[in-house]
N, C-alpha and C. Protein backbone atom coordinates (compact mmCIF):
# COMPACT_ATOMS: atom_id res chain seq x y z
N MET A 1 0.85 -1.17 0.00
CA MET A 1 0.00 0.00 0.00
C MET A 1 0.90 1.24 0.00
N VAL A 2 0.53 2.21 -0.84
CA VAL A 2 1.29 3.45 -0.93
C VAL A 2 0.35 4.62 -0.70
N LEU A 3 0.76 5.52 0.17
CA LEU A 3 -0.02 6.70 0.50
C LEU A 3 0.70 7.92 -0.09
N TYR A 4 0.01 8.64 -0.98
CA TYR A 4 0.56 9.85 -1.59
C TYR A 4 -0.05 11.05 -0.89
N GLY A 5 0.80 11.92 -0.38
CA GLY A 5 0.30 13.10 0.33
C GLY A 5 1.42 14.06 0.63
N LEU A 6 1.19 14.88 1.65
CA LEU A 6 2.19 15.84 2.11
C LEU A 6 2.55 15.52 3.55
N LYS A 7 3.84 15.53 3.87
CA LYS A 7 4.23 15.20 5.24
C LYS A 7 3.76 16.25 6.22
N THR A 8 3.43 17.45 5.74
CA THR A 8 2.94 18.51 6.62
C THR A 8 1.42 18.52 6.76
N CYS A 9 0.73 17.62 6.06
CA CYS A 9 -0.73 17.57 6.05
C CYS A 9 -1.24 16.76 7.25
N ASP A 10 -2.08 17.37 8.09
CA ASP A 10 -2.62 16.67 9.27
C ASP A 10 -3.40 15.42 8.88
N THR A 11 -4.19 15.52 7.81
CA THR A 11 -4.99 14.37 7.38
C THR A 11 -4.07 13.22 6.95
N CYS A 12 -3.01 13.53 6.24
CA CYS A 12 -2.06 12.50 5.81
C CYS A 12 -1.37 11.87 7.02
N ARG A 13 -1.06 12.68 8.02
CA ARG A 13 -0.43 12.14 9.23
C ARG A 13 -1.36 11.18 9.95
N LYS A 14 -2.65 11.54 10.02
CA LYS A 14 -3.63 10.65 10.65
C LYS A 14 -3.71 9.33 9.89
N ALA A 15 -3.73 9.41 8.57
CA ALA A 15 -3.79 8.20 7.75
C ALA A 15 -2.56 7.33 7.97
N MET A 16 -1.39 7.94 8.00
CA MET A 16 -0.15 7.18 8.20
C MET A 16 -0.12 6.52 9.58
N LYS A 17 -0.64 7.22 10.57
CA LYS A 17 -0.67 6.65 11.92
C LYS A 17 -1.58 5.42 11.95
N SER A 18 -2.68 5.46 11.21
CA SER A 18 -3.62 4.33 11.15
C SER A 18 -3.15 3.23 10.22
N LEU A 19 -2.26 3.56 9.29
CA LEU A 19 -1.75 2.59 8.31
C LEU A 19 -0.22 2.52 8.41
N PRO A 20 0.31 2.05 9.53
CA PRO A 20 1.76 2.11 9.76
C PRO A 20 2.60 1.33 8.75
N ASP A 21 2.00 0.36 8.07
CA ASP A 21 2.76 -0.42 7.10
C ASP A 21 2.77 0.18 5.71
N ALA A 22 2.03 1.27 5.52
CA ALA A 22 1.96 1.90 4.20
C ALA A 22 3.26 2.66 3.90
N GLU A 23 3.64 2.62 2.65
CA GLU A 23 4.78 3.43 2.19
C GLU A 23 4.26 4.84 1.96
N PHE A 24 5.00 5.85 2.38
CA PHE A 24 4.57 7.24 2.21
C PHE A 24 5.38 7.91 1.11
N VAL A 25 4.70 8.60 0.20
CA VAL A 25 5.35 9.36 -0.86
C VAL A 25 4.90 10.81 -0.74
N ASP A 26 5.84 11.70 -0.50
CA ASP A 26 5.53 13.13 -0.40
C ASP A 26 5.42 13.70 -1.81
N VAL A 27 4.23 14.14 -2.18
CA VAL A 27 4.00 14.60 -3.55
C VAL A 27 4.74 15.91 -3.85
N ARG A 28 5.07 16.67 -2.82
CA ARG A 28 5.80 17.92 -3.04
C ARG A 28 7.21 17.63 -3.54
N SER A 29 7.86 16.64 -2.96
CA SER A 29 9.24 16.36 -3.35
C SER A 29 9.35 15.26 -4.40
N ASP A 30 8.43 14.28 -4.38
CA ASP A 30 8.55 13.12 -5.26
C ASP A 30 7.52 13.08 -6.39
N GLY A 31 6.46 13.88 -6.28
CA GLY A 31 5.41 13.87 -7.30
C GLY A 31 4.58 12.60 -7.27
N VAL A 32 3.71 12.47 -8.24
CA VAL A 32 2.84 11.30 -8.38
C VAL A 32 3.16 10.69 -9.75
N PRO A 33 3.40 9.38 -9.81
CA PRO A 33 3.68 8.77 -11.11
C PRO A 33 2.57 9.07 -12.13
N GLU A 34 2.98 9.37 -13.35
CA GLU A 34 2.06 9.76 -14.42
C GLU A 34 0.89 8.79 -14.60
N LYS A 35 1.19 7.50 -14.66
CA LYS A 35 0.12 6.51 -14.88
C LYS A 35 -0.86 6.48 -13.72
N LEU A 36 -0.34 6.60 -12.51
CA LEU A 36 -1.21 6.61 -11.33
C LEU A 36 -2.09 7.86 -11.33
N LEU A 37 -1.51 8.99 -11.68
CA LEU A 37 -2.28 10.23 -11.73
C LEU A 37 -3.41 10.13 -12.75
N GLN A 38 -3.12 9.56 -13.90
CA GLN A 38 -4.15 9.37 -14.93
C GLN A 38 -5.24 8.42 -14.45
N ARG A 39 -4.85 7.33 -13.80
CA ARG A 39 -5.83 6.37 -13.26
C ARG A 39 -6.70 7.03 -12.20
N ALA A 40 -6.07 7.79 -11.31
CA ALA A 40 -6.82 8.46 -10.24
C ALA A 40 -7.78 9.49 -10.84
N PHE A 41 -7.34 10.21 -11.85
CA PHE A 41 -8.23 11.20 -12.47
C PHE A 41 -9.40 10.52 -13.17
N ALA A 42 -9.13 9.38 -13.82
CA ALA A 42 -10.21 8.64 -14.48
C ALA A 42 -11.25 8.17 -13.47
N GLN A 43 -10.79 7.82 -12.28
CA GLN A 43 -11.71 7.31 -11.25
C GLN A 43 -12.41 8.44 -10.49
N PHE A 44 -11.66 9.47 -10.10
CA PHE A 44 -12.21 10.50 -9.20
C PHE A 44 -12.58 11.80 -9.91
N GLU A 45 -12.10 11.98 -11.14
CA GLU A 45 -12.36 13.17 -11.95
C GLU A 45 -12.12 14.45 -11.15
N GLY A 46 -13.10 15.33 -11.09
CA GLY A 46 -12.93 16.64 -10.45
C GLY A 46 -12.64 16.59 -8.97
N GLU A 47 -12.98 15.48 -8.31
CA GLU A 47 -12.70 15.36 -6.88
C GLU A 47 -11.21 15.35 -6.58
N LEU A 48 -10.40 14.99 -7.57
CA LEU A 48 -8.95 14.88 -7.36
C LEU A 48 -8.31 16.25 -7.13
N VAL A 49 -8.94 17.31 -7.63
CA VAL A 49 -8.40 18.66 -7.46
C VAL A 49 -8.99 19.26 -6.18
N ASN A 50 -8.12 19.65 -5.28
CA ASN A 50 -8.55 20.24 -4.01
C ASN A 50 -8.76 21.75 -4.21
N ARG A 51 -9.99 22.12 -4.41
CA ARG A 51 -10.33 23.52 -4.67
C ARG A 51 -10.37 24.37 -3.41
N ARG A 52 -10.11 23.75 -2.27
CA ARG A 52 -10.04 24.51 -1.02
C ARG A 52 -8.59 24.79 -0.62
N SER A 53 -7.65 24.30 -1.42
CA SER A 53 -6.23 24.42 -1.06
C SER A 53 -5.71 25.84 -1.26
N THR A 54 -4.63 26.12 -0.56
CA THR A 54 -3.95 27.41 -0.70
C THR A 54 -3.46 27.58 -2.13
N THR A 55 -2.99 26.49 -2.72
CA THR A 55 -2.50 26.55 -4.10
C THR A 55 -3.61 27.00 -5.04
N TRP A 56 -4.79 26.39 -4.92
CA TRP A 56 -5.93 26.75 -5.78
C TRP A 56 -6.33 28.20 -5.57
N ARG A 57 -6.39 28.63 -4.33
CA ARG A 57 -6.81 30.01 -4.03
C ARG A 57 -5.84 31.03 -4.59
N GLY A 58 -4.58 30.61 -4.78
CA GLY A 58 -3.58 31.51 -5.32
C GLY A 58 -3.61 31.63 -6.84
N PHE A 59 -4.37 30.77 -7.51
CA PHE A 59 -4.45 30.80 -8.97
C PHE A 59 -5.34 31.94 -9.44
N SER A 60 -4.99 32.47 -10.60
CA SER A 60 -5.87 33.45 -11.25
C SER A 60 -7.02 32.67 -11.89
N GLU A 61 -8.04 33.38 -12.29
CA GLU A 61 -9.19 32.73 -12.92
C GLU A 61 -8.76 32.00 -14.20
N SER A 62 -7.84 32.60 -14.95
CA SER A 62 -7.39 31.96 -16.19
C SER A 62 -6.59 30.69 -15.90
N GLU A 63 -5.79 30.68 -14.84
CA GLU A 63 -5.04 29.47 -14.48
C GLU A 63 -5.99 28.34 -14.10
N ARG A 64 -7.07 28.67 -13.44
CA ARG A 64 -8.04 27.66 -13.01
C ARG A 64 -8.75 26.99 -14.18
N GLN A 65 -8.67 27.61 -15.36
CA GLN A 65 -9.33 27.05 -16.55
C GLN A 65 -8.49 25.98 -17.23
N ASN A 66 -7.24 25.81 -16.82
CA ASN A 66 -6.39 24.78 -17.42
C ASN A 66 -6.94 23.39 -17.11
N PRO A 67 -6.66 22.42 -17.98
CA PRO A 67 -7.12 21.05 -17.73
C PRO A 67 -6.61 20.54 -16.37
N PRO A 68 -7.46 19.88 -15.60
CA PRO A 68 -7.07 19.42 -14.26
C PRO A 68 -5.79 18.60 -14.22
N LEU A 69 -5.60 17.70 -15.18
CA LEU A 69 -4.37 16.89 -15.16
C LEU A 69 -3.12 17.74 -15.34
N GLU A 70 -3.21 18.75 -16.19
CA GLU A 70 -2.06 19.66 -16.36
C GLU A 70 -1.76 20.39 -15.05
N LEU A 71 -2.81 20.87 -14.39
CA LEU A 71 -2.63 21.56 -13.12
C LEU A 71 -2.00 20.64 -12.08
N LEU A 72 -2.48 19.40 -12.00
CA LEU A 72 -1.96 18.46 -11.01
C LEU A 72 -0.51 18.07 -11.30
N LYS A 73 -0.15 17.96 -12.57
CA LYS A 73 1.24 17.65 -12.91
C LYS A 73 2.16 18.80 -12.53
N ALA A 74 1.72 20.02 -12.79
CA ALA A 74 2.53 21.20 -12.50
C ALA A 74 2.54 21.55 -11.01
N HIS A 75 1.44 21.22 -10.32
CA HIS A 75 1.29 21.59 -8.91
C HIS A 75 0.75 20.39 -8.13
N PRO A 76 1.60 19.42 -7.81
CA PRO A 76 1.12 18.20 -7.14
C PRO A 76 0.44 18.47 -5.79
N THR A 77 0.76 19.60 -5.15
CA THR A 77 0.13 19.91 -3.87
C THR A 77 -1.34 20.27 -4.04
N LEU A 78 -1.78 20.44 -5.26
CA LEU A 78 -3.18 20.74 -5.56
C LEU A 78 -4.08 19.50 -5.44
N MET A 79 -3.46 18.33 -5.37
CA MET A 79 -4.23 17.09 -5.29
C MET A 79 -4.87 16.93 -3.92
N LYS A 80 -6.12 16.48 -3.93
CA LYS A 80 -6.77 16.15 -2.66
C LYS A 80 -5.98 15.01 -2.04
N ARG A 81 -5.86 15.04 -0.72
CA ARG A 81 -5.01 14.06 -0.05
C ARG A 81 -5.75 13.36 1.07
N PRO A 82 -5.23 12.20 1.42
CA PRO A 82 -4.24 11.42 0.70
C PRO A 82 -4.86 10.64 -0.46
N LEU A 83 -4.02 10.28 -1.40
CA LEU A 83 -4.38 9.33 -2.45
C LEU A 83 -3.70 8.03 -2.04
N ILE A 84 -4.49 6.98 -1.86
CA ILE A 84 -3.95 5.71 -1.38
C ILE A 84 -4.12 4.65 -2.46
N ALA A 85 -3.01 4.04 -2.81
CA ALA A 85 -3.02 2.94 -3.79
C ALA A 85 -2.79 1.65 -3.02
N ASP A 86 -3.82 0.80 -3.02
CA ASP A 86 -3.74 -0.50 -2.36
C ASP A 86 -3.93 -1.55 -3.44
N GLY A 87 -2.84 -2.02 -4.01
CA GLY A 87 -2.91 -2.92 -5.15
C GLY A 87 -3.52 -2.17 -6.33
N ASP A 88 -4.61 -2.71 -6.88
CA ASP A 88 -5.27 -2.06 -8.01
C ASP A 88 -6.38 -1.10 -7.57
N THR A 89 -6.60 -0.97 -6.28
CA THR A 89 -7.68 -0.13 -5.76
C THR A 89 -7.13 1.21 -5.30
N LEU A 90 -7.83 2.28 -5.67
CA LEU A 90 -7.45 3.62 -5.26
C LEU A 90 -8.49 4.19 -4.30
N TYR A 91 -8.01 4.92 -3.32
CA TYR A 91 -8.87 5.63 -2.37
C TYR A 91 -8.43 7.08 -2.33
N LEU A 92 -9.39 7.97 -2.13
CA LEU A 92 -9.07 9.40 -2.08
C LEU A 92 -9.64 9.99 -0.81
N GLY A 93 -8.79 10.70 -0.07
CA GLY A 93 -9.21 11.32 1.17
C GLY A 93 -9.09 10.35 2.34
N TRP A 94 -9.56 10.79 3.49
CA TRP A 94 -9.47 9.98 4.69
C TRP A 94 -10.79 10.05 5.46
N GLY A 95 -11.88 9.98 4.69
CA GLY A 95 -13.21 10.01 5.28
C GLY A 95 -13.58 8.67 5.89
N PRO A 96 -14.74 8.60 6.53
CA PRO A 96 -15.18 7.36 7.18
C PRO A 96 -15.25 6.16 6.23
N GLU A 97 -15.65 6.39 4.97
CA GLU A 97 -15.75 5.28 4.02
C GLU A 97 -14.39 4.69 3.71
N VAL A 98 -13.40 5.55 3.55
CA VAL A 98 -12.04 5.08 3.24
C VAL A 98 -11.46 4.36 4.45
N ARG A 99 -11.64 4.93 5.63
CA ARG A 99 -11.12 4.29 6.85
C ARG A 99 -11.74 2.91 7.03
N ALA A 100 -13.06 2.81 6.80
CA ALA A 100 -13.74 1.52 6.96
C ALA A 100 -13.24 0.52 5.93
N ALA A 101 -13.08 0.95 4.68
CA ALA A 101 -12.63 0.06 3.61
C ALA A 101 -11.23 -0.48 3.89
N LEU A 102 -10.41 0.32 4.55
CA LEU A 102 -9.04 -0.09 4.83
C LEU A 102 -8.88 -0.69 6.23
N GLY A 103 -9.99 -0.83 6.94
CA GLY A 103 -9.94 -1.42 8.27
C GLY A 103 -9.22 -0.55 9.28
N ALA A 104 -9.30 0.76 9.07
CA ALA A 104 -8.60 1.70 9.96
C ALA A 104 -9.59 2.54 10.76
N GLY A 105 -10.75 1.97 11.05
CA GLY A 105 -11.86 2.58 11.74
C GLY A 105 -11.60 3.80 12.49
């Protein structure tokens, strides 16, 4: 299992504490693999872009019009976190449904 997020993100820290065996990848320094990003976008579409983030709020209106995948490639911190890859299954966020699915109640 691999958890993609930010080491400074409280939600990502909570997820890592509940999933101690997961490998952690900091998207700020390491990014998200291209194929995984495309798969996640195909599954989650617009949910993958965190429109409440500081990064998003700093964009001009014209920047926000760029295709979401381009924005996420250029600004990985714009991704909603965490993105968890467990084999072929992807999870986004750390809500009750994700915690239950991963047995991290």
